[in-house]
Amino acid sequence: MIGHNDSGAALRSYIERIERLAAEKDRIAEDIREVYTEAKGAGFDPKIMRVIVRERKLDEQARRERDELIETYKAALGMLSDTPLGEAAIRGAK
């Protein structure tokens, strides 16, 4: 059976590892912010870059399903009516 001191030492070890990883995560997050700032200075839009980074994390099927759902929602809200395809659909419905 694990004694009180053993479990305390194990818990301390886990907590210290988590704290080190959290500090590393903070440093990496700051490095990422610096890259976005650098890119902005070069004329790129960091907000759009963040969207692209998120999209690249998705596999092709998940991205396709998400895009189809977005288009469905936009159509339901009438947000596609000002596109050539939306205009053609409106003309066809009349």
Protein backbone atom coordinates (compact mmCIF):
# COMPACT_ATOMS: atom_id res chain seq x y z
CA MET A 1 0.00 0.00 0.00
CA ILE A 2 1.20 3.50 -0.81
CA GLY A 3 1.96 5.54 2.26
CA HIS A 4 0.88 9.10 2.89
CA ASN A 5 4.37 10.42 2.11
CA ASP A 6 4.55 8.42 -1.12
CA SER A 7 1.20 9.69 -2.37
CA GLY A 8 2.13 13.24 -1.37
CA ALA A 9 5.39 13.01 -3.29
CA ALA A 10 3.60 11.58 -6.32
CA LEU A 11 0.98 14.33 -6.21
CA ARG A 12 3.69 17.00 -5.89
CA SER A 13 5.47 15.49 -8.89
CA TYR A 14 2.30 15.62 -11.02
CA ILE A 15 1.54 19.19 -9.96
CA GLU A 16 5.08 20.35 -10.72
CA ARG A 17 4.99 18.68 -14.15
CA ILE A 18 1.67 20.39 -14.90
CA GLU A 19 3.10 23.73 -13.79
CA ARG A 20 6.18 23.31 -16.02
CA LEU A 21 4.01 22.38 -19.00
CA ALA A 22 1.67 25.32 -18.35
CA ALA A 23 4.66 27.69 -18.28
CA GLU A 24 5.92 26.17 -21.54
CA LYS A 25 2.44 26.54 -23.05
CA ASP A 26 2.41 30.23 -22.05
CA ARG A 27 5.81 30.77 -23.71
CA ILE A 28 4.63 29.04 -26.88
CA ALA A 29 1.42 31.11 -26.93
CA GLU A 30 3.52 34.28 -26.68
CA ASP A 31 5.72 33.05 -29.56
CA ILE A 32 2.60 32.44 -31.65
CA ARG A 33 1.29 35.95 -30.88
CA GLU A 34 4.65 37.35 -32.01
CA VAL A 35 4.39 35.47 -35.32
CA TYR A 36 0.90 36.89 -35.90
CA THR A 37 2.19 40.39 -35.10
CA GLU A 38 5.08 39.91 -37.51
CA ALA A 39 2.70 38.67 -40.21
CA LYS A 40 0.43 41.68 -39.62
CA GLY A 41 3.43 43.94 -40.10
CA ALA A 42 4.03 42.20 -43.43
CA GLY A 43 0.47 43.02 -44.52
CA PHE A 44 -1.35 39.80 -43.64
CA ASP A 45 -4.61 39.70 -41.68
CA PRO A 46 -4.05 37.73 -38.44
CA LYS A 47 -7.78 37.10 -37.99
CA ILE A 48 -7.96 35.37 -41.37
CA MET A 49 -4.72 33.52 -40.65
CA ARG A 50 -6.27 32.13 -37.44
CA VAL A 51 -9.24 30.86 -39.47
CA ILE A 52 -6.88 29.15 -41.90
CA VAL A 53 -4.87 27.57 -39.06
CA ARG A 54 -8.11 26.20 -37.53
CA GLU A 55 -9.26 24.88 -40.91
CA ARG A 56 -5.98 23.12 -41.55
CA LYS A 57 -6.48 21.18 -38.31
CA LEU A 58 -9.70 19.66 -39.70
CA ASP A 59 -9.62 16.64 -41.94
CA GLU A 60 -11.13 17.03 -45.41
CA GLN A 61 -14.42 15.31 -44.56
CA ALA A 62 -14.99 17.39 -41.41
CA ARG A 63 -14.18 20.58 -43.33
CA ARG A 64 -16.57 19.65 -46.14
CA GLU A 65 -19.38 18.87 -43.68
CA ARG A 66 -18.80 22.14 -41.83
CA ASP A 67 -18.78 24.15 -45.07
CA GLU A 68 -22.01 22.51 -46.24
CA LEU A 69 -23.68 23.30 -42.94
CA ILE A 70 -22.50 26.92 -43.09
CA GLU A 71 -23.92 27.26 -46.61
CA THR A 72 -27.21 25.71 -45.48
CA TYR A 73 -27.47 28.19 -42.60
CA LYS A 74 -26.57 31.13 -44.85
CA ALA A 75 -29.20 30.09 -47.37
CA ALA A 76 -31.81 29.78 -44.62
CA LEU A 77 -30.95 33.31 -43.50
CA GLY A 78 -31.06 34.71 -47.04
CA MET A 79 -27.36 35.52 -46.94
CA LEU A 80 -26.67 33.99 -50.35
CA SER A 81 -29.19 36.07 -52.26
CA ASP A 82 -26.56 38.58 -53.38
CA THR A 83 -24.34 35.96 -55.04
CA PRO A 84 -24.76 34.99 -58.71
CA LEU A 85 -26.01 31.56 -57.67
CA GLY A 86 -28.38 33.08 -55.11
CA GLU A 87 -29.70 35.60 -57.65
CA ALA A 88 -30.31 32.78 -60.16
CA ALA A 89 -32.19 30.80 -57.50
CA ILE A 90 -34.36 33.81 -56.69
CA ARG A 91 -35.13 34.38 -60.39
CA GLY A 92 -35.95 30.68 -60.79
CA ALA A 93 -38.31 30.77 -57.82
CA LYS A 94 -40.33 33.69 -59.24
